[in-house]
Amino acid sequence: MSKIFGALMEPFHRVVGGWYKRQVQKELVKYGLRYDDLLDPNMNLDVKEALNRLPPEEIDLRNQRLKRAIDISQKHTELPDDMKKLQTPFNFYLKPMVEKIEAENAERASLGTGKP
């Protein structure tokens, strides 16, 4: 029964998921952020470790985007249109590293060892 329900709901989920992704993209572009910039290292230790492993240049770019977004938000403005066209909100720079760390943690758990 649940497979039938899932098959019936799949087109609806695809449409709603696409709409939601476009809305998130619109908001991220408005402030000049990338999706990975929203990941909080204080809430997820894997994100914190991934940030520690990133090159310093990427950390600097992330910090600049966050500072710019805070500044834009405080001024109640948006990025200029020419800057909005250059934004790539779903160009992931942190997600591959987080996935790698999660795989390492899963491997450690399967072997029965803790974190080093």
PDB file of N, CA and C in Angstrom:
ATOM      1  N   MET A   1       0.815  -1.186   0.000  1.00  0.00           N
ATOM      2  CA  MET A   1       0.000   0.000   0.000  1.00  0.00           C
ATOM      3  C   MET A   1       0.869   1.264   0.000  1.00  0.00           C
ATOM      4  N   SER A   2       1.951   1.267   0.776  1.00  0.00           N
ATOM      5  CA  SER A   2       2.787   2.459   0.848  1.00  0.00           C
ATOM      6  C   SER A   2       3.536   2.693  -0.463  1.00  0.00           C
ATOM      7  N   LYS A   3       3.851   1.624  -1.206  1.00  0.00           N
ATOM      8  CA  LYS A   3       4.516   1.798  -2.500  1.00  0.00           C
ATOM      9  C   LYS A   3       3.585   2.488  -3.490  1.00  0.00           C
ATOM     10  N   ILE A   4       2.321   2.138  -3.444  1.00  0.00           N
ATOM     11  CA  ILE A   4       1.345   2.766  -4.336  1.00  0.00           C
ATOM     12  C   ILE A   4       1.205   4.246  -3.977  1.00  0.00           C
ATOM     13  N   PHE A   5       1.092   4.512  -2.687  1.00  0.00           N
ATOM     14  CA  PHE A   5       0.973   5.899  -2.232  1.00  0.00           C
ATOM     15  C   PHE A   5       2.214   6.694  -2.625  1.00  0.00           C
ATOM     16  N   GLY A   6       3.383   6.079  -2.459  1.00  0.00           N
ATOM     17  CA  GLY A   6       4.632   6.745  -2.832  1.00  0.00           C
ATOM     18  C   GLY A   6       4.687   7.033  -4.315  1.00  0.00           C
ATOM     19  N   ALA A   7       4.222   6.084  -5.132  1.00  0.00           N
ATOM     20  CA  ALA A   7       4.220   6.282  -6.579  1.00  0.00           C
ATOM     21  C   ALA A   7       3.246   7.392  -6.975  1.00  0.00           C
ATOM     22  N   LEU A   8       2.135   7.487  -6.280  1.00  0.00           N
ATOM     23  CA  LEU A   8       1.168   8.544  -6.576  1.00  0.00           C
ATOM     24  C   LEU A   8       1.680   9.924  -6.153  1.00  0.00           C
ATOM     25  N   MET A   9       2.442   9.973  -5.083  1.00  0.00           N
ATOM     26  CA  MET A   9       2.923  11.246  -4.558  1.00  0.00           C
ATOM     27  C   MET A   9       4.220  11.727  -5.201  1.00  0.00           C
ATOM     28  N   GLU A  10       4.915  10.841  -5.924  1.00  0.00           N
ATOM     29  CA  GLU A  10       6.209  11.217  -6.494  1.00  0.00           C
ATOM     30  C   GLU A  10       6.131  12.428  -7.417  1.00  0.00           C
ATOM     31  N   PRO A  11       5.176  12.507  -8.351  1.00  0.00           N
ATOM     32  CA  PRO A  11       5.117  13.715  -9.186  1.00  0.00           C
ATOM     33  C   PRO A  11       4.879  14.989  -8.369  1.00  0.00           C
ATOM     34  N   PHE A  12       4.052  14.884  -7.352  1.00  0.00           N
ATOM     35  CA  PHE A  12       3.791  16.031  -6.486  1.00  0.00           C
ATOM     36  C   PHE A  12       5.069  16.461  -5.772  1.00  0.00           C
ATOM     37  N   HIS A  13       5.817  15.501  -5.256  1.00  0.00           N
ATOM     38  CA  HIS A  13       7.069  15.805  -4.549  1.00  0.00           C
ATOM     39  C   HIS A  13       8.079  16.432  -5.494  1.00  0.00           C
ATOM     40  N   ARG A  14       8.130  15.944  -6.719  1.00  0.00           N
ATOM     41  CA  ARG A  14       9.069  16.484  -7.704  1.00  0.00           C
ATOM     42  C   ARG A  14       8.735  17.949  -8.002  1.00  0.00           C
ATOM     43  N   VAL A  15       7.452  18.252  -8.179  1.00  0.00           N
ATOM     44  CA  VAL A  15       7.033  19.629  -8.470  1.00  0.00           C
ATOM     45  C   VAL A  15       7.302  20.535  -7.271  1.00  0.00           C
ATOM     46  N   VAL A  16       6.895  20.103  -6.097  1.00  0.00           N
ATOM     47  CA  VAL A  16       7.089  20.921  -4.894  1.00  0.00           C
ATOM     48  C   VAL A  16       8.585  21.062  -4.589  1.00  0.00           C
ATOM     49  N   GLY A  17       9.340  19.996  -4.780  1.00  0.00           N
ATOM     50  CA  GLY A  17      10.780  20.063  -4.539  1.00  0.00           C
ATOM     51  C   GLY A  17      11.461  21.038  -5.479  1.00  0.00           C
ATOM     52  N   GLY A  18      11.063  21.043  -6.746  1.00  0.00           N
ATOM     53  CA  GLY A  18      11.626  21.990  -7.706  1.00  0.00           C
ATOM     54  C   GLY A  18      11.271  23.421  -7.354  1.00  0.00           C
ATOM     55  N   TRP A  19      10.027  23.644  -6.945  1.00  0.00           N
ATOM     56  CA  TRP A  19       9.600  24.970  -6.541  1.00  0.00           C
ATOM     57  C   TRP A  19      10.404  25.439  -5.320  1.00  0.00           C
ATOM     58  N   TYR A  20      10.568  24.563  -4.343  1.00  0.00           N
ATOM     59  CA  TYR A  20      11.293  24.922  -3.130  1.00  0.00           C
ATOM     60  C   TYR A  20      12.752  25.260  -3.451  1.00  0.00           C
ATOM     61  N   LYS A  21      13.371  24.477  -4.319  1.00  0.00           N
ATOM     62  CA  LYS A  21      14.767  24.728  -4.691  1.00  0.00           C
ATOM     63  C   LYS A  21      14.902  26.098  -5.360  1.00  0.00           C
ATOM     64  N   ARG A  22      13.961  26.454  -6.226  1.00  0.00           N
ATOM     65  CA  ARG A  22      13.993  27.765  -6.874  1.00  0.00           C
ATOM     66  C   ARG A  22      13.833  28.897  -5.859  1.00  0.00           C
ATOM     67  N   GLN A  23      12.973  28.690  -4.851  1.00  0.00           N
ATOM     68  CA  GLN A  23      12.782  29.714  -3.817  1.00  0.00           C
ATOM     69  C   GLN A  23      14.048  29.889  -2.976  1.00  0.00           C
ATOM     70  N   VAL A  24      14.689  28.791  -2.622  1.00  0.00           N
ATOM     71  CA  VAL A  24      15.932  28.859  -1.850  1.00  0.00           C
ATOM     72  C   VAL A  24      17.001  29.545  -2.689  1.00  0.00           C
ATOM     73  N   GLN A  25      17.088  29.192  -3.966  1.00  0.00           N
ATOM     74  CA  GLN A  25      18.077  29.806  -4.851  1.00  0.00           C
ATOM     75  C   GLN A  25      17.856  31.313  -4.943  1.00  0.00           C
ATOM     76  N   LYS A  26      16.608  31.734  -5.067  1.00  0.00           N
ATOM     77  CA  LYS A  26      16.286  33.156  -5.169  1.00  0.00           C
ATOM     78  C   LYS A  26      16.750  33.907  -3.916  1.00  0.00           C
ATOM     79  N   GLU A  27      16.517  33.323  -2.746  1.00  0.00           N
ATOM     80  CA  GLU A  27      16.924  33.972  -1.498  1.00  0.00           C
ATOM     81  C   GLU A  27      18.439  33.986  -1.340  1.00  0.00           C
ATOM     82  N   LEU A  28      19.107  32.912  -1.720  1.00  0.00           N
ATOM     83  CA  LEU A  28      20.564  32.875  -1.613  1.00  0.00           C
ATOM     84  C   LEU A  28      21.211  33.885  -2.551  1.00  0.00           C
ATOM     85  N   VAL A  29      20.686  33.987  -3.765  1.00  0.00           N
ATOM     86  CA  VAL A  29      21.228  34.940  -4.734  1.00  0.00           C
ATOM     87  C   VAL A  29      21.013  36.374  -4.250  1.00  0.00           C
ATOM     88  N   LYS A  30      19.905  36.619  -3.599  1.00  0.00           N
ATOM     89  CA  LYS A  30      19.598  37.959  -3.097  1.00  0.00           C
ATOM     90  C   LYS A  30      20.696  38.457  -2.158  1.00  0.00           C
ATOM     91  N   TYR A  31      21.280  37.538  -1.390  1.00  0.00           N
ATOM     92  CA  TYR A  31      22.309  37.912  -0.423  1.00  0.00           C
ATOM     93  C   TYR A  31      23.717  37.509  -0.844  1.00  0.00           C
ATOM     94  N   GLY A  32      23.858  36.839  -1.966  1.00  0.00           N
ATOM     95  CA  GLY A  32      25.180  36.445  -2.440  1.00  0.00           C
ATOM     96  C   GLY A  32      25.771  35.274  -1.693  1.00  0.00           C
ATOM     97  N   LEU A  33      24.927  34.367  -1.225  1.00  0.00           N
ATOM     98  CA  LEU A  33      25.401  33.208  -0.464  1.00  0.00           C
ATOM     99  C   LEU A  33      25.359  31.940  -1.296  1.00  0.00           C
ATOM    100  N   ARG A  34      26.074  30.942  -0.844  1.00  0.00           N
ATOM    101  CA  ARG A  34      25.977  29.586  -1.374  1.00  0.00           C
ATOM    102  C   ARG A  34      25.283  28.732  -0.317  1.00  0.00           C
ATOM    103  N   TYR A  35      24.712  27.625  -0.760  1.00  0.00           N
ATOM    104  CA  TYR A  35      23.970  26.768   0.164  1.00  0.00           C
ATOM    105  C   TYR A  35      24.865  26.288   1.303  1.00  0.00           C
ATOM    106  N   ASP A  36      26.105  25.942   0.990  1.00  0.00           N
ATOM    107  CA  ASP A  36      27.015  25.439   2.019  1.00  0.00           C
ATOM    108  C   ASP A  36      27.362  26.506   3.058  1.00  0.00           C
ATOM    109  N   ASP A  37      27.183  27.773   2.726  1.00  0.00           N
ATOM    110  CA  ASP A  37      27.445  28.836   3.701  1.00  0.00           C
ATOM    111  C   ASP A  37      26.461  28.783   4.861  1.00  0.00           C
ATOM    112  N   LEU A  38      25.321  28.161   4.661  1.00  0.00           N
ATOM    113  CA  LEU A  38      24.298  28.090   5.697  1.00  0.00           C
ATOM    114  C   LEU A  38      24.564  26.989   6.718  1.00  0.00           C
ATOM    115  N   LEU A  39      25.500  26.096   6.436  1.00  0.00           N
ATOM    116  CA  LEU A  39      25.803  25.003   7.356  1.00  0.00           C
ATOM    117  C   LEU A  39      26.554  25.559   8.561  1.00  0.00           C
ATOM    118  N   ASP A  40      26.079  25.233   9.753  1.00  0.00           N
ATOM    119  CA  ASP A  40      26.617  25.784  10.992  1.00  0.00           C
ATOM    120  C   ASP A  40      27.594  24.801  11.633  1.00  0.00           C
ATOM    121  N   PRO A  41      28.858  25.196  11.786  1.00  0.00           N
ATOM    122  CA  PRO A  41      29.833  24.288  12.399  1.00  0.00           C
ATOM    123  C   PRO A  41      29.568  24.022  13.875  1.00  0.00           C
ATOM    124  N   ASN A  42      28.792  24.858  14.527  1.00  0.00           N
ATOM    125  CA  ASN A  42      28.479  24.637  15.942  1.00  0.00           C
ATOM    126  C   ASN A  42      27.388  23.596  16.130  1.00  0.00           C
ATOM    127  N   MET A  43      26.618  23.336  15.097  1.00  0.00           N
ATOM    128  CA  MET A  43      25.523  22.380  15.190  1.00  0.00           C
ATOM    129  C   MET A  43      25.905  20.987  14.701  1.00  0.00           C
ATOM    130  N   ASN A  44      26.947  20.894  13.881  1.00  0.00           N
ATOM    131  CA  ASN A  44      27.339  19.621  13.295  1.00  0.00           C
ATOM    132  C   ASN A  44      28.861  19.527  13.331  1.00  0.00           C
ATOM    133  N   LEU A  45      29.368  18.551  14.061  1.00  0.00           N
ATOM    134  CA  LEU A  45      30.822  18.408  14.179  1.00  0.00           C
ATOM    135  C   LEU A  45      31.475  18.005  12.867  1.00  0.00           C
ATOM    136  N   ASP A  46      30.728  17.327  11.993  1.00  0.00           N
ATOM    137  CA  ASP A  46      31.282  16.969  10.685  1.00  0.00           C
ATOM    138  C   ASP A  46      31.519  18.222   9.846  1.00  0.00           C
ATOM    139  N   VAL A  47      30.638  19.185   9.950  1.00  0.00           N
ATOM    140  CA  VAL A  47      30.815  20.454   9.228  1.00  0.00           C
ATOM    141  C   VAL A  47      32.024  21.195   9.799  1.00  0.00           C
ATOM    142  N   LYS A  48      32.170  21.164  11.098  1.00  0.00           N
ATOM    143  CA  LYS A  48      33.315  21.821  11.732  1.00  0.00           C
ATOM    144  C   LYS A  48      34.628  21.202  11.262  1.00  0.00           C
ATOM    145  N   GLU A  49      34.670  19.874  11.202  1.00  0.00           N
ATOM    146  CA  GLU A  49      35.877  19.186  10.726  1.00  0.00           C
ATOM    147  C   GLU A  49      36.121  19.483   9.251  1.00  0.00           C
ATOM    148  N   ALA A  50      35.048  19.528   8.457  1.00  0.00           N
ATOM    149  CA  ALA A  50      35.194  19.832   7.025  1.00  0.00           C
ATOM    150  C   ALA A  50      35.754  21.242   6.831  1.00  0.00           C
ATOM    151  N   LEU A  51      35.297  22.186   7.628  1.00  0.00           N
ATOM    152  CA  LEU A  51      35.839  23.545   7.534  1.00  0.00           C
ATOM    153  C   LEU A  51      37.313  23.589   7.922  1.00  0.00           C
ATOM    154  N   ASN A  52      37.700  22.766   8.883  1.00  0.00           N
ATOM    155  CA  ASN A  52      39.115  22.705   9.264  1.00  0.00           C
ATOM    156  C   ASN A  52      39.982  22.149   8.147  1.00  0.00           C
ATOM    157  N   ARG A  53      39.418  21.290   7.307  1.00  0.00           N
ATOM    158  CA  ARG A  53      40.173  20.674   6.223  1.00  0.00           C
ATOM    159  C   ARG A  53      40.194  21.497   4.939  1.00  0.00           C
ATOM    160  N   LEU A  54      39.339  22.488   4.839  1.00  0.00           N
ATOM    161  CA  LEU A  54      39.301  23.313   3.623  1.00  0.00           C
ATOM    162  C   LEU A  54      40.542  24.192   3.540  1.00  0.00           C
ATOM    163  N   PRO A  55      40.936  24.549   2.308  1.00  0.00           N
ATOM    164  CA  PRO A  55      42.061  25.486   2.174  1.00  0.00           C
ATOM    165  C   PRO A  55      41.690  26.867   2.726  1.00  0.00           C
ATOM    166  N   PRO A  56      42.670  27.602   3.206  1.00  0.00           N
ATOM    167  CA  PRO A  56      42.394  28.921   3.796  1.00  0.00           C
ATOM    168  C   PRO A  56      41.693  29.884   2.826  1.00  0.00           C
ATOM    169  N   GLU A  57      41.988  29.771   1.533  1.00  0.00           N
ATOM    170  CA  GLU A  57      41.356  30.659   0.559  1.00  0.00           C
ATOM    171  C   GLU A  57      39.840  30.452   0.527  1.00  0.00           C
ATOM    172  N   GLU A  58      39.417  29.195   0.611  1.00  0.00           N
ATOM    173  CA  GLU A  58      37.987  28.889   0.589  1.00  0.00           C
ATOM    174  C   GLU A  58      37.306  29.383   1.864  1.00  0.00           C
ATOM    175  N   ILE A  59      37.991  29.287   2.988  1.00  0.00           N
ATOM    176  CA  ILE A  59      37.465  29.806   4.255  1.00  0.00           C
ATOM    177  C   ILE A  59      37.304  31.322   4.164  1.00  0.00           C
ATOM    178  N   ASP A  60      38.303  31.996   3.584  1.00  0.00           N
ATOM    179  CA  ASP A  60      38.218  33.449   3.426  1.00  0.00           C
ATOM    180  C   ASP A  60      37.038  33.843   2.540  1.00  0.00           C
ATOM    181  N   LEU A  61      36.824  33.116   1.451  1.00  0.00           N
ATOM    182  CA  LEU A  61      35.695  33.404   0.566  1.00  0.00           C
ATOM    183  C   LEU A  61      34.371  33.205   1.289  1.00  0.00           C
ATOM    184  N   ARG A  62      34.283  32.148   2.080  1.00  0.00           N
ATOM    185  CA  ARG A  62      33.060  31.891   2.855  1.00  0.00           C
ATOM    186  C   ARG A  62      32.798  33.031   3.836  1.00  0.00           C
ATOM    187  N   ASN A  63      33.836  33.453   4.546  1.00  0.00           N
ATOM    188  CA  ASN A  63      33.681  34.534   5.521  1.00  0.00           C
ATOM    189  C   ASN A  63      33.286  35.843   4.841  1.00  0.00           C
ATOM    190  N   GLN A  64      33.849  36.118   3.673  1.00  0.00           N
ATOM    191  CA  GLN A  64      33.486  37.325   2.937  1.00  0.00           C
ATOM    192  C   GLN A  64      32.027  37.286   2.501  1.00  0.00           C
ATOM    193  N   ARG A  65      31.559  36.113   2.023  1.00  0.00           N
ATOM    194  CA  ARG A  65      30.155  35.992   1.618  1.00  0.00           C
ATOM    195  C   ARG A  65      29.229  36.190   2.820  1.00  0.00           C
ATOM    196  N   LEU A  66      29.591  35.615   3.953  1.00  0.00           N
ATOM    197  CA  LEU A  66      28.758  35.768   5.151  1.00  0.00           C
ATOM    198  C   LEU A  66      28.719  37.221   5.633  1.00  0.00           C
ATOM    199  N   LYS A  67      29.864  37.885   5.626  1.00  0.00           N
ATOM    200  CA  LYS A  67      29.907  39.289   6.043  1.00  0.00           C
ATOM    201  C   LYS A  67      29.082  40.163   5.098  1.00  0.00           C
ATOM    202  N   ARG A  68      29.210  39.899   3.789  1.00  0.00           N
ATOM    203  CA  ARG A  68      28.438  40.670   2.816  1.00  0.00           C
ATOM    204  C   ARG A  68      26.941  40.449   3.015  1.00  0.00           C
ATOM    205  N   ALA A  69      26.548  39.199   3.285  1.00  0.00           N
ATOM    206  CA  ALA A  69      25.134  38.892   3.484  1.00  0.00           C
ATOM    207  C   ALA A  69      24.593  39.588   4.735  1.00  0.00           C
ATOM    208  N   ILE A  70      25.374  39.617   5.795  1.00  0.00           N
ATOM    209  CA  ILE A  70      24.955  40.309   7.018  1.00  0.00           C
ATOM    210  C   ILE A  70      24.812  41.803   6.738  1.00  0.00           C
ATOM    211  N   ASP A  71      25.772  42.367   6.015  1.00  0.00           N
ATOM    212  CA  ASP A  71      25.731  43.790   5.689  1.00  0.00           C
ATOM    213  C   ASP A  71      24.499  44.127   4.841  1.00  0.00           C
ATOM    214  N   ILE A  72      24.236  43.318   3.836  1.00  0.00           N
ATOM    215  CA  ILE A  72      23.078  43.537   2.960  1.00  0.00           C
ATOM    216  C   ILE A  72      21.787  43.411   3.762  1.00  0.00           C
ATOM    217  N   SER A  73      21.737  42.438   4.640  1.00  0.00           N
ATOM    218  CA  SER A  73      20.536  42.235   5.442  1.00  0.00           C
ATOM    219  C   SER A  73      20.294  43.416   6.384  1.00  0.00           C
ATOM    220  N   GLN A  74      21.350  43.907   7.006  1.00  0.00           N
ATOM    221  CA  GLN A  74      21.215  45.035   7.928  1.00  0.00           C
ATOM    222  C   GLN A  74      20.773  46.310   7.213  1.00  0.00           C
ATOM    223  N   LYS A  75      21.196  46.458   5.955  1.00  0.00           N
ATOM    224  CA  LYS A  75      20.835  47.643   5.176  1.00  0.00           C
ATOM    225  C   LYS A  75      19.490  47.488   4.470  1.00  0.00           C
ATOM    226  N   HIS A  76      18.867  46.335   4.593  1.00  0.00           N
ATOM    227  CA  HIS A  76      17.580  46.046   3.949  1.00  0.00           C
ATOM    228  C   HIS A  76      17.643  46.277   2.440  1.00  0.00           C
ATOM    229  N   THR A  77      18.729  45.784   1.836  1.00  0.00           N
ATOM    230  CA  THR A  77      18.890  45.894   0.393  1.00  0.00           C
ATOM    231  C   THR A  77      19.166  44.515  -0.181  1.00  0.00           C
ATOM    232  N   GLU A  78      19.462  44.482  -1.476  1.00  0.00           N
ATOM    233  CA  GLU A  78      19.845  43.248  -2.155  1.00  0.00           C
ATOM    234  C   GLU A  78      21.100  43.523  -2.966  1.00  0.00           C
ATOM    235  N   LEU A  79      21.706  42.454  -3.454  1.00  0.00           N
ATOM    236  CA  LEU A  79      22.835  42.618  -4.356  1.00  0.00           C
ATOM    237  C   LEU A  79      22.366  43.316  -5.632  1.00  0.00           C
ATOM    238  N   PRO A  80      23.233  44.058  -6.279  1.00  0.00           N
ATOM    239  CA  PRO A  80      22.876  44.621  -7.583  1.00  0.00           C
ATOM    240  C   PRO A  80      22.622  43.493  -8.594  1.00  0.00           C
ATOM    241  N   ASP A  81      21.818  43.793  -9.605  1.00  0.00           N
ATOM    242  CA  ASP A  81      21.443  42.768 -10.585  1.00  0.00           C
ATOM    243  C   ASP A  81      22.638  42.168 -11.303  1.00  0.00           C
ATOM    244  N   ASP A  82      23.655  42.983 -11.607  1.00  0.00           N
ATOM    245  CA  ASP A  82      24.822  42.427 -12.291  1.00  0.00           C
ATOM    246  C   ASP A  82      25.579  41.441 -11.399  1.00  0.00           C
ATOM    247  N   MET A  83      25.566  41.667 -10.091  1.00  0.00           N
ATOM    248  CA  MET A  83      26.201  40.734  -9.160  1.00  0.00           C
ATOM    249  C   MET A  83      25.353  39.475  -8.978  1.00  0.00           C
ATOM    250  N   LYS A  84      24.032  39.639  -9.014  1.00  0.00           N
ATOM    251  CA  LYS A  84      23.143  38.484  -8.859  1.00  0.00           C
ATOM    252  C   LYS A  84      23.366  37.469  -9.970  1.00  0.00           C
ATOM    253  N   LYS A  85      23.644  37.952 -11.169  1.00  0.00           N
ATOM    254  CA  LYS A  85      23.841  37.055 -12.313  1.00  0.00           C
ATOM    255  C   LYS A  85      25.091  36.190 -12.150  1.00  0.00           C
ATOM    256  N   LEU A  86      26.042  36.645 -11.353  1.00  0.00           N
ATOM    257  CA  LEU A  86      27.295  35.913 -11.160  1.00  0.00           C
ATOM    258  C   LEU A  86      27.218  34.864 -10.055  1.00  0.00           C
ATOM    259  N   GLN A  87      26.143  34.877  -9.276  1.00  0.00           N
ATOM    260  CA  GLN A  87      26.046  33.992  -8.120  1.00  0.00           C
ATOM    261  C   GLN A  87      25.745  32.550  -8.531  1.00  0.00           C
ATOM    262  N   THR A  88      26.359  31.613  -7.809  1.00  0.00           N
ATOM    263  CA  THR A  88      26.149  30.174  -8.025  1.00  0.00           C
ATOM    264  C   THR A  88      25.809  29.533  -6.678  1.00  0.00           C
ATOM    265  N   PRO A  89      24.546  29.614  -6.248  1.00  0.00           N
ATOM    266  CA  PRO A  89      24.200  29.162  -4.897  1.00  0.00           C
ATOM    267  C   PRO A  89      24.315  27.660  -4.685  1.00  0.00           C
ATOM    268  N   PHE A  90      24.225  26.873  -5.734  1.00  0.00           N
ATOM    269  CA  PHE A  90      24.303  25.426  -5.554  1.00  0.00           C
ATOM    270  C   PHE A  90      25.622  24.859  -6.064  1.00  0.00           C
ATOM    271  N   ASN A  91      26.666  25.675  -6.040  1.00  0.00           N
ATOM    272  CA  ASN A  91      28.017  25.212  -6.331  1.00  0.00           C
ATOM    273  C   ASN A  91      28.624  24.799  -4.989  1.00  0.00           C
ATOM    274  N   PHE A  92      28.532  23.514  -4.684  1.00  0.00           N
ATOM    275  CA  PHE A  92      28.906  23.026  -3.358  1.00  0.00           C
ATOM    276  C   PHE A  92      30.426  22.938  -3.211  1.00  0.00           C
ATOM    277  N   TYR A  93      30.939  23.517  -2.163  1.00  0.00           N
ATOM    278  CA  TYR A  93      32.359  23.427  -1.853  1.00  0.00           C
ATOM    279  C   TYR A  93      32.596  22.657  -0.563  1.00  0.00           C
ATOM    280  N   LEU A  94      31.591  22.561   0.293  1.00  0.00           N
ATOM    281  CA  LEU A  94      31.745  21.914   1.588  1.00  0.00           C
ATOM    282  C   LEU A  94      31.102  20.534   1.629  1.00  0.00           C
ATOM    283  N   LYS A  95      30.059  20.349   0.857  1.00  0.00           N
ATOM    284  CA  LYS A  95      29.312  19.092   0.886  1.00  0.00           C
ATOM    285  C   LYS A  95      30.171  17.864   0.576  1.00  0.00           C
ATOM    286  N   PRO A  96      31.044  17.901  -0.452  1.00  0.00           N
ATOM    287  CA  PRO A  96      31.886  16.716  -0.702  1.00  0.00           C
ATOM    288  C   PRO A  96      32.786  16.362   0.483  1.00  0.00           C
ATOM    289  N   MET A  97      33.303  17.383   1.154  1.00  0.00           N
ATOM    290  CA  MET A  97      34.174  17.138   2.312  1.00  0.00           C
ATOM    291  C   MET A  97      33.369  16.571   3.478  1.00  0.00           C
ATOM    292  N   VAL A  98      32.171  17.080   3.688  1.00  0.00           N
ATOM    293  CA  VAL A  98      31.307  16.571   4.761  1.00  0.00           C
ATOM    294  C   VAL A  98      30.952  15.108   4.495  1.00  0.00           C
ATOM    295  N   GLU A  99      30.635  14.787   3.243  1.00  0.00           N
ATOM    296  CA  GLU A  99      30.316  13.402   2.893  1.00  0.00           C
ATOM    297  C   GLU A  99      31.507  12.488   3.126  1.00  0.00           C
ATOM    298  N   LYS A 100      32.698  12.958   2.815  1.00  0.00           N
ATOM    299  CA  LYS A 100      33.915  12.177   3.047  1.00  0.00           C
ATOM    300  C   LYS A 100      34.112  11.922   4.547  1.00  0.00           C
ATOM    301  N   ILE A 101      33.895  12.942   5.357  1.00  0.00           N
ATOM    302  CA  ILE A 101      34.053  12.802   6.801  1.00  0.00           C
ATOM    303  C   ILE A 101      32.995  11.855   7.368  1.00  0.00           C
ATOM    304  N   GLU A 102      31.761  11.963   6.873  1.00  0.00           N
ATOM    305  CA  GLU A 102      30.707  11.045   7.319  1.00  0.00           C
ATOM    306  C   GLU A 102      31.044   9.607   6.954  1.00  0.00           C
ATOM    307  N   ALA A 103      31.631   9.395   5.775  1.00  0.00           N
ATOM    308  CA  ALA A 103      32.038   8.047   5.377  1.00  0.00           C
ATOM    309  C   ALA A 103      33.159   7.534   6.281  1.00  0.00           C
ATOM    310  N   GLU A 104      34.089   8.406   6.631  1.00  0.00           N
ATOM    311  CA  GLU A 104      35.168   8.019   7.549  1.00  0.00           C
ATOM    312  C   GLU A 104      34.600   7.637   8.913  1.00  0.00           C
ATOM    313  N   ASN A 105      33.652   8.422   9.395  1.00  0.00           N
ATOM    314  CA  ASN A 105      33.037   8.128  10.694  1.00  0.00           C
ATOM    315  C   ASN A 105      32.257   6.817  10.648  1.00  0.00           C
ATOM    316  N   ALA A 106      31.574   6.560   9.541  1.00  0.00           N
ATOM    317  CA  ALA A 106      30.833   5.306   9.401  1.00  0.00           C
ATOM    318  C   ALA A 106      31.796   4.124   9.369  1.00  0.00           C
ATOM    319  N   GLU A 107      32.928   4.293   8.702  1.00  0.00           N
ATOM    320  CA  GLU A 107      33.927   3.223   8.653  1.00  0.00           C
ATOM    321  C   GLU A 107      34.501   2.972  10.049  1.00  0.00           C
ATOM    322  N   ARG A 108      34.777   4.039  10.786  1.00  0.00           N
ATOM    323  CA  ARG A 108      35.279   3.875  12.156  1.00  0.00           C
ATOM    324  C   ARG A 108      34.258   3.147  13.025  1.00  0.00           C
ATOM    325  N   ALA A 109      32.990   3.502  12.853  1.00  0.00           N
ATOM    326  CA  ALA A 109      31.935   2.856  13.641  1.00  0.00           C
ATOM    327  C   ALA A 109      31.811   1.387  13.284  1.00  0.00           C
ATOM    328  N   SER A 110      31.947   1.049  12.003  1.00  0.00           N
ATOM    329  CA  SER A 110      31.845  -0.353  11.600  1.00  0.00           C
ATOM    330  C   SER A 110      33.020  -1.173  12.110  1.00  0.00           C
ATOM    331  N   LEU A 111      34.183  -0.515  12.258  1.00  0.00           N
ATOM    332  CA  LEU A 111      35.359  -1.212  12.785  1.00  0.00           C
ATOM    333  C   LEU A 111      35.387  -1.235  14.305  1.00  0.00           C
ATOM    334  N   GLY A 112      34.521  -0.442  14.903  1.00  0.00           N
ATOM    335  CA  GLY A 112      34.450  -0.423  16.358  1.00  0.00           C
ATOM    336  C   GLY A 112      35.488   0.460  17.012  1.00  0.00           C
ATOM    337  N   THR A 113      36.054   1.366  16.248  1.00  0.00           N
ATOM    338  CA  THR A 113      37.030   2.290  16.830  1.00  0.00           C
ATOM    339  C   THR A 113      36.397   3.663  16.961  1.00  0.00           C
ATOM    340  N   GLY A 114      36.940   4.451  17.836  1.00  0.00           N
ATOM    341  CA  GLY A 114      36.435   5.811  18.022  1.00  0.00           C
ATOM    342  C   GLY A 114      37.172   6.799  17.155  1.00  0.00           C
ATOM    343  N   LYS A 115      36.875   8.060  17.372  1.00  0.00           N
ATOM    344  CA  LYS A 115      37.583   9.106  16.633  1.00  0.00           C
ATOM    345  C   LYS A 115      39.016   9.195  17.148  1.00  0.00           C
ATOM    346  N   PRO A 116      39.947   9.509  16.256  1.00  0.00           N
ATOM    347  CA  PRO A 116      41.345   9.634  16.694  1.00  0.00           C
ATOM    348  C   PRO A 116      41.579  10.847  17.551  1.00  0.00           C
TER     349      PRO A 116
END
